[in-house]
Amino acid sequence: MRVIAPGGGLTNNHALFINSHGKGIKAKHGVRYVFYPHEDVGAGEFFIEDIATAIGADNVPKIHNLIISACNTDSSFSAKEVRKCFPSATNIIHSAAGQAGYQEMVFQVLLADSSQIETLYQSRAADDDDFEIGKWPVPGCKKMSPYVATLFCPGKVQPYRQQKAGRELLTKVPLTEVIPATPLN
């Protein structure tokens, strides 16, 4: 992502990229979503408030776009919870409920408009040491679903829309073009 985002012209867009694993864990008040690194990188579990603390109180208000490349297979991710720690965020991109997060799908978000993003399928290559990515399902493949964007109006607690995520959400778009016609239920 460090190469693809700037290489695709996505600079100075007030974005935070969180490239991590993610899952729900039992906590005092129910299930909480945690981020954790790949075992080759390190150990530990981090809540969104830990990440906000690491970013710093002076920098958190500057973040308007969050791109979270992590699984949501147990449907424990909450964009509203993320928004509590990043109150200026109007665009939170994440895996859909019940879906795994895949790098290839995040790359599509960084490089293509939402209308061009496709579901992809991952299968073992013929030599069994590698994977192949294709546009059509084959026996034994894994479905790689598109990421979604949960969108908030500035200062509002409830999101107004959820849609397929795409590059157009990471570029400067006048607020008048994203104000909702109807609220999200």
Foldseek 3Di string as FASTA:
>chain_A
DVCLQVVQVLPPLLEDEAAFAKDWDQDPVGTAIWTFHDVVVHGDTHHLLNVLVVCPPVSLQSHAEYAYQYAQLQVRDDVLSNCVSRVNHFKYKFADHNGGGDPVQVSQQSHFAQVPRAWKKWDADPVNPDIDIGRDDDPPIDIHDHIKIFGCDRPDSHTFDIGGHHNVVSDDDDVVVVPDPGGDD
